[in-house]
Structures are given as C-alpha cells and as structure tokens.
C-alpha cells in the first residue's frame, strides 16, 4: 500500500489541515501519516486562536514516520513560524522523499493569518525541495512579488515562482471573478490551464488543503504530473458539490463523496 505524509496544522473543525489531508489520502486508497505543526481552535466561521508546536518536535514526527513507514509523497501545509519552515526544509533535504507538494498556507479562508510574517522569507528554503507548489492568488502575489488580477498575471506569477526552485507551480484561480474557476500550471516545458465551471457555494472550507493532498496522493500512486493535477481537481470539484452543508460559515467538503454517491 502506498503511503503519504502530511506536515500541517490541526483543524479542530475537521474541514482543513491534517484532518482534510488524511481524509483525502484515505479516499484515494493511500495510507496517511501526519506531522502536526500547530494546533488551531477554529470552525466554519473562522480561526479563534492557534499555537505552533516546537520546531524540534515537528522534526521528530517527520523522522519517526519516514524512518519507519516511509512516504511515497509528502504534502506540506501550514508551517506557522520561520523556525518550523526551516526545520521542515532541513528534514526534507536530509530524508529526500520522492514527491513533495507544498501548499504555502498564509491566510485562512476567513482572513486569519496562519503564517508569521518573518516566516514568508524562510519559504525560499523550502520551495527548491518541492515537486509541486500550489499557491492561491494572494499567496502567489507574495511569492512572485507582483499583483495578480488576470489569468495572464497568474501565468507570470507562476513562472516567477518556478524560478525559485520547484518543478511545477499550480496557481489556483478561485479568488478571481468569472463564470469559470481557472488554475494555471507552469512547468519548465510550458504552461497549461485547468478550467472548470465555478461552483457557487459557501461550503469551501479546506479546498486548498484538499487539492494539494489529492495531488500528493495521486503522485504517490504513480500518476504523471498533469494527470495527478487534473484528477485532483476533479476530485475537489466533486467534494465541493457534495458538501454536507455543515456549519454557519464556510462549511467543509465531503471527502468521501465517491464512496457514497
């Protein structure tokens, strides 16, 4: 059985973070393990508070899991502090897992900051270890240092981020307006778009976590880059369409929709 490790924060409401990642791995038939970086108190209305774990404890979790069970892919999400970013980057360089997907989580769906400002610069150490990086539009603006207002801007941002070291950059376009939700994928050999009809719903909690962990699961299963990304987007759209309607705010997805419907 293939295995995937998620390095991310814990979401007490179960819709994002390691909870979403482990559900996504399971939905793909991949055994999931975790290294928790932070504990959050949150629900569909927002993040109430969070506390980062010590960086050496994060490292110990990663080493314990990969040293025994191994990892066919690693998904990296919320890292919270510069110390954790640096520790995770060092562990990934040393252990050298085959597929690394980095979701550069900076701000939660409700607008709460999930990455200390001084940790953003430290991401430069992590990006060269990544096979795929999946920033949304605000994150792409920070990483690329440009304003993103159009699909062409997404392409420009993706190409700039590509020069920071990852092999594939997926710029998610959900924050832009329009009848379609368009993602732009940049690689050394060119770019392509993934265009899907926009799903009008407030139940979108954990979409970024779910997409990146689905990509990691597909890579762990041996899919090629483009196939892994497009299959992950199809899985995400189904999880949104079949959301259970929980909570008063941005509700969670249905990660097991394919097993039920």
C-alpha atoms as a PDB file:
ATOM      1  CA  UNK A   1       0.000   0.000   0.000  1.00  0.00           C
ATOM      2  CA  UNK A   2       1.281   3.463  -0.857  1.00  0.00           C
ATOM      3  CA  UNK A   3       1.770   5.947   1.990  1.00  0.00           C
ATOM      4  CA  UNK A   4       1.712   9.747   2.170  1.00  0.00           C
ATOM      5  CA  UNK A   5       2.751  12.097   4.971  1.00  0.00           C
ATOM      6  CA  UNK A   6       1.052  15.401   5.705  1.00  0.00           C
ATOM      7  CA  UNK A   7       3.028  18.090   7.534  1.00  0.00           C
ATOM      8  CA  UNK A   8       0.453  20.676   8.527  1.00  0.00           C
ATOM      9  CA  UNK A   9      -1.704  22.200  11.256  1.00  0.00           C
ATOM     10  CA  UNK A  10      -4.620  20.567  13.014  1.00  0.00           C
ATOM     11  CA  UNK A  11      -8.109  21.948  12.302  1.00  0.00           C
ATOM     12  CA  UNK A  12     -10.458  21.342  15.216  1.00  0.00           C
ATOM     13  CA  UNK A  13     -13.491  21.547  12.903  1.00  0.00           C
ATOM     14  CA  UNK A  14     -12.155  18.743  10.705  1.00  0.00           C
ATOM     15  CA  UNK A  15     -12.511  20.553   7.389  1.00  0.00           C
ATOM     16  CA  UNK A  16      -8.954  21.634   6.624  1.00  0.00           C
ATOM     17  CA  UNK A  17      -5.397  20.932   7.750  1.00  0.00           C
ATOM     18  CA  UNK A  18      -4.253  17.430   8.598  1.00  0.00           C
ATOM     19  CA  UNK A  19      -7.839  16.267   9.019  1.00  0.00           C
ATOM     20  CA  UNK A  20      -8.688  17.144   5.419  1.00  0.00           C
ATOM     21  CA  UNK A  21      -5.382  15.702   4.229  1.00  0.00           C
ATOM     22  CA  UNK A  22      -5.843  12.350   5.960  1.00  0.00           C
ATOM     23  CA  UNK A  23      -9.411  12.050   4.669  1.00  0.00           C
ATOM     24  CA  UNK A  24      -8.209  12.818   1.154  1.00  0.00           C
ATOM     25  CA  UNK A  25      -5.407  10.256   1.363  1.00  0.00           C
ATOM     26  CA  UNK A  26      -7.895   7.628   2.592  1.00  0.00           C
ATOM     27  CA  UNK A  27     -10.344   8.482  -0.205  1.00  0.00           C
ATOM     28  CA  UNK A  28      -7.561   7.718  -2.703  1.00  0.00           C
ATOM     29  CA  UNK A  29      -6.591   4.431  -1.078  1.00  0.00           C
ATOM     30  CA  UNK A  30      -3.337   5.861   0.286  1.00  0.00           C
ATOM     31  CA  UNK A  31      -2.251   5.280   3.896  1.00  0.00           C
ATOM     32  CA  UNK A  32      -1.902   8.639   5.619  1.00  0.00           C
ATOM     33  CA  UNK A  33       0.502   9.710   8.349  1.00  0.00           C
ATOM     34  CA  UNK A  34       0.985  13.138   9.899  1.00  0.00           C
ATOM     35  CA  UNK A  35       3.408  15.566  11.497  1.00  0.00           C
ATOM     36  CA  UNK A  36       1.470  18.318  13.264  1.00  0.00           C
ATOM     37  CA  UNK A  37       2.986  21.802  13.128  1.00  0.00           C
ATOM     38  CA  UNK A  38       0.323  23.767  15.006  1.00  0.00           C
ATOM     39  CA  UNK A  39      -2.963  23.287  16.823  1.00  0.00           C
ATOM     40  CA  UNK A  40      -5.809  25.589  15.845  1.00  0.00           C
ATOM     41  CA  UNK A  41      -9.125  26.305  17.519  1.00  0.00           C
ATOM     42  CA  UNK A  42     -11.432  27.025  14.585  1.00  0.00           C
ATOM     43  CA  UNK A  43     -14.763  26.319  12.983  1.00  0.00           C
ATOM     44  CA  UNK A  44     -16.540  27.294   9.783  1.00  0.00           C
ATOM     45  CA  UNK A  45     -16.736  30.916  10.957  1.00  0.00           C
ATOM     46  CA  UNK A  46     -13.002  31.395  11.407  1.00  0.00           C
ATOM     47  CA  UNK A  47      -9.870  30.760  13.452  1.00  0.00           C
ATOM     48  CA  UNK A  48     -10.273  31.616  17.126  1.00  0.00           C
ATOM     49  CA  UNK A  49      -6.652  31.035  18.103  1.00  0.00           C
ATOM     50  CA  UNK A  50      -3.683  28.822  17.296  1.00  0.00           C
ATOM     51  CA  UNK A  51      -0.446  27.658  18.840  1.00  0.00           C
ATOM     52  CA  UNK A  52       2.631  26.463  16.992  1.00  0.00           C
ATOM     53  CA  UNK A  53       4.496  23.384  18.182  1.00  0.00           C
ATOM     54  CA  UNK A  54       8.244  23.447  18.897  1.00  0.00           C
ATOM     55  CA  UNK A  55      10.237  23.023  15.695  1.00  0.00           C
ATOM     56  CA  UNK A  56      12.245  20.100  17.070  1.00  0.00           C
ATOM     57  CA  UNK A  57       9.024  18.224  17.834  1.00  0.00           C
ATOM     58  CA  UNK A  58       7.892  18.730  14.236  1.00  0.00           C
ATOM     59  CA  UNK A  59      11.224  17.345  13.025  1.00  0.00           C
ATOM     60  CA  UNK A  60      10.932  14.362  15.365  1.00  0.00           C
ATOM     61  CA  UNK A  61       7.499  13.498  13.966  1.00  0.00           C
ATOM     62  CA  UNK A  62       8.771  13.616  10.387  1.00  0.00           C
ATOM     63  CA  UNK A  63      11.804  11.472  11.170  1.00  0.00           C
ATOM     64  CA  UNK A  64       9.762   8.962  13.149  1.00  0.00           C
ATOM     65  CA  UNK A  65       7.261   8.419  10.342  1.00  0.00           C
ATOM     66  CA  UNK A  66       9.584   8.396   7.337  1.00  0.00           C
ATOM     67  CA  UNK A  67      12.210   6.355   9.193  1.00  0.00           C
ATOM     68  CA  UNK A  68       9.722   3.547   9.784  1.00  0.00           C
ATOM     69  CA  UNK A  69       6.724   3.659   7.433  1.00  0.00           C
ATOM     70  CA  UNK A  70       8.300   5.780   4.717  1.00  0.00           C
ATOM     71  CA  UNK A  71       6.439   8.147   2.410  1.00  0.00           C
ATOM     72  CA  UNK A  72       5.716   7.839  -1.305  1.00  0.00           C
ATOM     73  CA  UNK A  73       4.687  11.513  -1.184  1.00  0.00           C
ATOM     74  CA  UNK A  74       4.703  14.374   1.299  1.00  0.00           C
ATOM     75  CA  UNK A  75       2.170  17.202   1.464  1.00  0.00           C
ATOM     76  CA  UNK A  76       3.255  20.333   3.363  1.00  0.00           C
ATOM     77  CA  UNK A  77       0.660  22.837   4.542  1.00  0.00           C
ATOM     78  CA  UNK A  78       0.533  25.260   7.481  1.00  0.00           C
ATOM     79  CA  UNK A  79       4.021  25.807   8.916  1.00  0.00           C
ATOM     80  CA  UNK A  80       3.214  28.766  11.201  1.00  0.00           C
ATOM     81  CA  UNK A  81       6.714  30.028  12.080  1.00  0.00           C
ATOM     82  CA  UNK A  82      10.089  30.618  10.463  1.00  0.00           C
ATOM     83  CA  UNK A  83      11.660  28.063  12.793  1.00  0.00           C
ATOM     84  CA  UNK A  84       9.230  25.370  11.620  1.00  0.00           C
ATOM     85  CA  UNK A  85       9.724  26.300   7.951  1.00  0.00           C
ATOM     86  CA  UNK A  86      13.492  25.974   8.365  1.00  0.00           C
ATOM     87  CA  UNK A  87      13.189  22.703  10.309  1.00  0.00           C
ATOM     88  CA  UNK A  88      10.859  21.144   7.733  1.00  0.00           C
ATOM     89  CA  UNK A  89      13.086  22.249   4.851  1.00  0.00           C
ATOM     90  CA  UNK A  90      16.119  20.706   6.559  1.00  0.00           C
ATOM     91  CA  UNK A  91      14.275  17.431   7.230  1.00  0.00           C
ATOM     92  CA  UNK A  92      13.035  17.178   3.651  1.00  0.00           C
ATOM     93  CA  UNK A  93      16.520  17.819   2.267  1.00  0.00           C
ATOM     94  CA  UNK A  94      18.004  15.163   4.547  1.00  0.00           C
ATOM     95  CA  UNK A  95      15.328  12.475   4.093  1.00  0.00           C
ATOM     96  CA  UNK A  96      14.700  13.245   0.406  1.00  0.00           C
ATOM     97  CA  UNK A  97      11.173  11.815  -0.063  1.00  0.00           C
ATOM     98  CA  UNK A  98      10.293  11.201  -3.736  1.00  0.00           C
ATOM     99  CA  UNK A  99       7.351  13.610  -4.179  1.00  0.00           C
ATOM    100  CA  UNK A 100       6.818  16.811  -2.189  1.00  0.00           C
ATOM    101  CA  UNK A 101       3.739  19.030  -2.618  1.00  0.00           C
ATOM    102  CA  UNK A 102       3.898  22.407  -0.873  1.00  0.00           C
ATOM    103  CA  UNK A 103       0.720  24.371  -0.212  1.00  0.00           C
ATOM    104  CA  UNK A 104       2.142  27.709   1.047  1.00  0.00           C
ATOM    105  CA  UNK A 105      -0.633  28.401   3.562  1.00  0.00           C
ATOM    106  CA  UNK A 106      -0.521  32.027   4.682  1.00  0.00           C
ATOM    107  CA  UNK A 107      -4.098  33.109   5.396  1.00  0.00           C
ATOM    108  CA  UNK A 108      -7.178  31.092   6.369  1.00  0.00           C
ATOM    109  CA  UNK A 109     -10.437  31.192   4.407  1.00  0.00           C
ATOM    110  CA  UNK A 110     -11.888  33.712   6.858  1.00  0.00           C
ATOM    111  CA  UNK A 111      -8.878  36.027   6.589  1.00  0.00           C
ATOM    112  CA  UNK A 112      -6.935  34.923   9.682  1.00  0.00           C
ATOM    113  CA  UNK A 113      -3.133  34.876   9.264  1.00  0.00           C
ATOM    114  CA  UNK A 114      -1.661  31.370   9.653  1.00  0.00           C
ATOM    115  CA  UNK A 115       1.981  32.177   8.885  1.00  0.00           C
ATOM    116  CA  UNK A 116       4.130  34.628  10.823  1.00  0.00           C
ATOM    117  CA  UNK A 117       5.353  37.492   8.612  1.00  0.00           C
ATOM    118  CA  UNK A 118       9.018  36.579   9.199  1.00  0.00           C
ATOM    119  CA  UNK A 119       8.319  33.029   8.024  1.00  0.00           C
ATOM    120  CA  UNK A 120       7.421  34.101   4.479  1.00  0.00           C
ATOM    121  CA  UNK A 121      11.054  34.796   3.589  1.00  0.00           C
ATOM    122  CA  UNK A 122      12.034  31.395   5.000  1.00  0.00           C
ATOM    123  CA  UNK A 123       9.814  29.702   2.405  1.00  0.00           C
ATOM    124  CA  UNK A 124      12.619  30.300  -0.082  1.00  0.00           C
ATOM    125  CA  UNK A 125      14.478  27.453   1.645  1.00  0.00           C
ATOM    126  CA  UNK A 126      11.553  25.082   1.203  1.00  0.00           C
ATOM    127  CA  UNK A 127      10.452  25.734  -2.377  1.00  0.00           C
ATOM    128  CA  UNK A 128      13.504  24.119  -4.037  1.00  0.00           C
ATOM    129  CA  UNK A 129      12.600  20.823  -2.329  1.00  0.00           C
ATOM    130  CA  UNK A 130       9.110  20.831  -3.866  1.00  0.00           C
ATOM    131  CA  UNK A 131       7.874  18.862  -6.825  1.00  0.00           C
ATOM    132  CA  UNK A 132       4.629  20.881  -6.893  1.00  0.00           C
ATOM    133  CA  UNK A 133       3.747  24.208  -5.237  1.00  0.00           C
ATOM    134  CA  UNK A 134       0.075  25.222  -5.062  1.00  0.00           C
ATOM    135  CA  UNK A 135      -0.362  28.927  -4.139  1.00  0.00           C
ATOM    136  CA  UNK A 136      -3.694  30.677  -4.424  1.00  0.00           C
ATOM    137  CA  UNK A 137      -3.795  34.186  -5.893  1.00  0.00           C
ATOM    138  CA  UNK A 138      -2.901  36.120  -2.685  1.00  0.00           C
ATOM    139  CA  UNK A 139      -0.086  33.655  -1.919  1.00  0.00           C
ATOM    140  CA  UNK A 140       1.188  33.850  -5.495  1.00  0.00           C
ATOM    141  CA  UNK A 141       1.293  37.648  -5.221  1.00  0.00           C
ATOM    142  CA  UNK A 142       3.515  37.378  -2.139  1.00  0.00           C
ATOM    143  CA  UNK A 143       5.818  34.720  -3.556  1.00  0.00           C
ATOM    144  CA  UNK A 144       6.124  36.333  -7.011  1.00  0.00           C
ATOM    145  CA  UNK A 145       6.123  39.943  -5.845  1.00  0.00           C
ATOM    146  CA  UNK A 146       3.546  41.062  -8.414  1.00  0.00           C
ATOM    147  CA  UNK A 147      -0.151  41.901  -8.490  1.00  0.00           C
ATOM    148  CA  UNK A 148      -2.378  39.135  -9.879  1.00  0.00           C
ATOM    149  CA  UNK A 149      -5.653  40.269 -11.437  1.00  0.00           C
ATOM    150  CA  UNK A 150      -5.985  38.057 -14.511  1.00  0.00           C
ATOM    151  CA  UNK A 151      -5.150  34.642 -15.927  1.00  0.00           C
ATOM    152  CA  UNK A 152      -2.159  36.189 -17.693  1.00  0.00           C
ATOM    153  CA  UNK A 153      -0.977  37.573 -14.332  1.00  0.00           C
ATOM    154  CA  UNK A 154      -1.335  34.078 -12.885  1.00  0.00           C
ATOM    155  CA  UNK A 155       0.916  32.738 -15.619  1.00  0.00           C
ATOM    156  CA  UNK A 156       3.501  35.457 -14.985  1.00  0.00           C
ATOM    157  CA  UNK A 157       3.420  34.782 -11.244  1.00  0.00           C
ATOM    158  CA  UNK A 158       3.724  31.049 -11.774  1.00  0.00           C
ATOM    159  CA  UNK A 159       6.760  31.487 -13.995  1.00  0.00           C
ATOM    160  CA  UNK A 160       8.409  33.726 -11.385  1.00  0.00           C
ATOM    161  CA  UNK A 161       7.736  31.195  -8.609  1.00  0.00           C
ATOM    162  CA  UNK A 162       9.085  28.430 -10.851  1.00  0.00           C
ATOM    163  CA  UNK A 163      12.432  30.222 -10.812  1.00  0.00           C
ATOM    164  CA  UNK A 164      12.526  29.792  -7.003  1.00  0.00           C
ATOM    165  CA  UNK A 165      13.158  26.072  -7.450  1.00  0.00           C
ATOM    166  CA  UNK A 166      10.023  23.888  -7.630  1.00  0.00           C
ATOM    167  CA  UNK A 167       9.449  21.725 -10.702  1.00  0.00           C
ATOM    168  CA  UNK A 168       5.734  22.540 -11.071  1.00  0.00           C
ATOM    169  CA  UNK A 169       3.743  25.598  -9.948  1.00  0.00           C
ATOM    170  CA  UNK A 170      -0.057  25.451  -9.792  1.00  0.00           C
ATOM    171  CA  UNK A 171      -1.566  28.916  -9.305  1.00  0.00           C
ATOM    172  CA  UNK A 172      -5.163  28.479  -8.117  1.00  0.00           C
ATOM    173  CA  UNK A 173      -7.599  30.992  -9.557  1.00  0.00           C
ATOM    174  CA  UNK A 174     -10.540  30.612  -7.221  1.00  0.00           C
ATOM    175  CA  UNK A 175     -10.083  34.151  -5.882  1.00  0.00           C
ATOM    176  CA  UNK A 176     -10.629  35.728  -9.311  1.00  0.00           C
ATOM    177  CA  UNK A 177     -14.085  36.536 -10.683  1.00  0.00           C
ATOM    178  CA  UNK A 178     -15.695  34.879 -13.681  1.00  0.00           C
ATOM    179  CA  UNK A 179     -18.031  32.046 -14.662  1.00  0.00           C
ATOM    180  CA  UNK A 180     -15.133  29.565 -14.655  1.00  0.00           C
ATOM    181  CA  UNK A 181     -12.591  28.710 -11.994  1.00  0.00           C
ATOM    182  CA  UNK A 182      -9.237  28.632 -13.778  1.00  0.00           C
ATOM    183  CA  UNK A 183      -5.974  27.215 -12.455  1.00  0.00           C
ATOM    184  CA  UNK A 184      -2.691  27.868 -14.269  1.00  0.00           C
ATOM    185  CA  UNK A 185       0.059  25.255 -14.189  1.00  0.00           C
ATOM    186  CA  UNK A 186       3.629  26.265 -15.025  1.00  0.00           C
ATOM    187  CA  UNK A 187       6.482  23.861 -15.735  1.00  0.00           C
ATOM    188  CA  UNK A 188       9.886  24.162 -17.349  1.00  0.00           C
ATOM    189  CA  UNK A 189       8.402  22.824 -20.589  1.00  0.00           C
ATOM    190  CA  UNK A 190       5.424  25.200 -20.720  1.00  0.00           C
ATOM    191  CA  UNK A 191       2.097  26.157 -19.162  1.00  0.00           C
ATOM    192  CA  UNK A 192      -1.463  24.894 -19.323  1.00  0.00           C
ATOM    193  CA  UNK A 193      -4.821  25.813 -17.813  1.00  0.00           C
ATOM    194  CA  UNK A 194      -7.350  23.744 -15.908  1.00  0.00           C
ATOM    195  CA  UNK A 195     -10.731  25.333 -16.475  1.00  0.00           C
ATOM    196  CA  UNK A 196     -13.901  24.178 -14.715  1.00  0.00           C
ATOM    197  CA  UNK A 197     -17.337  25.805 -14.210  1.00  0.00           C
ATOM    198  CA  UNK A 198     -17.339  27.793 -10.979  1.00  0.00           C
ATOM    199  CA  UNK A 199     -19.390  26.134  -8.220  1.00  0.00           C
ATOM    200  CA  UNK A 200     -21.450  28.788  -6.424  1.00  0.00           C
ATOM    201  CA  UNK A 201     -21.431  27.738  -2.770  1.00  0.00           C
ATOM    202  CA  UNK A 202     -20.195  28.945   0.594  1.00  0.00           C
ATOM    203  CA  UNK A 203     -19.041  25.426   1.523  1.00  0.00           C
ATOM    204  CA  UNK A 204     -15.394  25.756   0.537  1.00  0.00           C
ATOM    205  CA  UNK A 205     -13.537  25.241   3.825  1.00  0.00           C
ATOM    206  CA  UNK A 206     -10.350  23.278   3.190  1.00  0.00           C
ATOM    207  CA  UNK A 207     -10.362  23.421  -0.605  1.00  0.00           C
ATOM    208  CA  UNK A 208      -6.665  24.299  -0.823  1.00  0.00           C
ATOM    209  CA  UNK A 209      -5.645  21.582   1.629  1.00  0.00           C
ATOM    210  CA  UNK A 210      -7.802  19.051  -0.183  1.00  0.00           C
ATOM    211  CA  UNK A 211      -6.453  19.866  -3.641  1.00  0.00           C
ATOM    212  CA  UNK A 212      -2.803  19.707  -2.606  1.00  0.00           C
ATOM    213  CA  UNK A 213      -3.251  16.469  -0.656  1.00  0.00           C
ATOM    214  CA  UNK A 214      -5.139  14.925  -3.587  1.00  0.00           C
ATOM    215  CA  UNK A 215      -2.217  15.824  -5.858  1.00  0.00           C
ATOM    216  CA  UNK A 216       0.186  14.234  -3.354  1.00  0.00           C
ATOM    217  CA  UNK A 217      -1.958  11.092  -3.182  1.00  0.00           C
ATOM    218  CA  UNK A 218      -2.078  10.817  -6.968  1.00  0.00           C
ATOM    219  CA  UNK A 219       1.686  11.273  -7.230  1.00  0.00           C
ATOM    220  CA  UNK A 220       2.150   8.596  -4.561  1.00  0.00           C
ATOM    221  CA  UNK A 221       0.035   6.289  -6.709  1.00  0.00           C
ATOM    222  CA  UNK A 222       2.365   6.866  -9.659  1.00  0.00           C
ATOM    223  CA  UNK A 223       0.347   9.278 -11.808  1.00  0.00           C
ATOM    224  CA  UNK A 224       2.231  11.690 -14.050  1.00  0.00           C
ATOM    225  CA  UNK A 225       2.202  15.368 -13.079  1.00  0.00           C
ATOM    226  CA  UNK A 226      -0.578  16.601 -15.365  1.00  0.00           C
ATOM    227  CA  UNK A 227      -2.738  13.535 -14.758  1.00  0.00           C
ATOM    228  CA  UNK A 228      -2.250  13.851 -10.994  1.00  0.00           C
ATOM    229  CA  UNK A 229      -3.224  17.534 -11.003  1.00  0.00           C
ATOM    230  CA  UNK A 230      -6.263  17.196 -13.260  1.00  0.00           C
ATOM    231  CA  UNK A 231      -7.550  14.152 -11.352  1.00  0.00           C
ATOM    232  CA  UNK A 232      -7.098  16.066  -8.086  1.00  0.00           C
ATOM    233  CA  UNK A 233      -9.124  18.989  -9.452  1.00  0.00           C
ATOM    234  CA  UNK A 234     -11.938  16.630 -10.495  1.00  0.00           C
ATOM    235  CA  UNK A 235     -11.908  15.060  -7.025  1.00  0.00           C
ATOM    236  CA  UNK A 236     -12.027  18.503  -5.382  1.00  0.00           C
ATOM    237  CA  UNK A 237     -14.966  19.650  -7.506  1.00  0.00           C
ATOM    238  CA  UNK A 238     -16.919  16.531  -6.520  1.00  0.00           C
ATOM    239  CA  UNK A 239     -16.126  17.080  -2.841  1.00  0.00           C
ATOM    240  CA  UNK A 240     -17.436  20.658  -3.118  1.00  0.00           C
ATOM    241  CA  UNK A 241     -20.597  19.656  -5.000  1.00  0.00           C
ATOM    242  CA  UNK A 242     -21.432  17.008  -2.394  1.00  0.00           C
ATOM    243  CA  UNK A 243     -20.555  19.134   0.668  1.00  0.00           C
ATOM    244  CA  UNK A 244     -22.638  18.082   3.673  1.00  0.00           C
ATOM    245  CA  UNK A 245     -23.819  21.622   4.486  1.00  0.00           C
ATOM    246  CA  UNK A 246     -22.390  21.762   7.997  1.00  0.00           C
ATOM    247  CA  UNK A 247     -21.730  24.927   9.970  1.00  0.00           C
ATOM    248  CA  UNK A 248     -22.848  28.538   9.736  1.00  0.00           C
ATOM    249  CA  UNK A 249     -19.908  29.811   7.675  1.00  0.00           C
ATOM    250  CA  UNK A 250     -17.563  28.284   5.111  1.00  0.00           C
ATOM    251  CA  UNK A 251     -18.633  24.664   5.521  1.00  0.00           C
ATOM    252  CA  UNK A 252     -16.422  21.599   4.981  1.00  0.00           C
ATOM    253  CA  UNK A 253     -16.294  19.365   1.929  1.00  0.00           C
ATOM    254  CA  UNK A 254     -17.359  15.746   1.521  1.00  0.00           C
ATOM    255  CA  UNK A 255     -14.023  13.980   1.126  1.00  0.00           C
ATOM    256  CA  UNK A 256     -15.651  10.593   0.667  1.00  0.00           C
ATOM    257  CA  UNK A 257     -18.186  11.594  -1.969  1.00  0.00           C
ATOM    258  CA  UNK A 258     -17.011   8.971  -4.446  1.00  0.00           C
ATOM    259  CA  UNK A 259     -17.654   6.187  -1.949  1.00  0.00           C
ATOM    260  CA  UNK A 260     -21.182   7.403  -1.178  1.00  0.00           C
ATOM    261  CA  UNK A 261     -22.635   8.804  -4.418  1.00  0.00           C
END
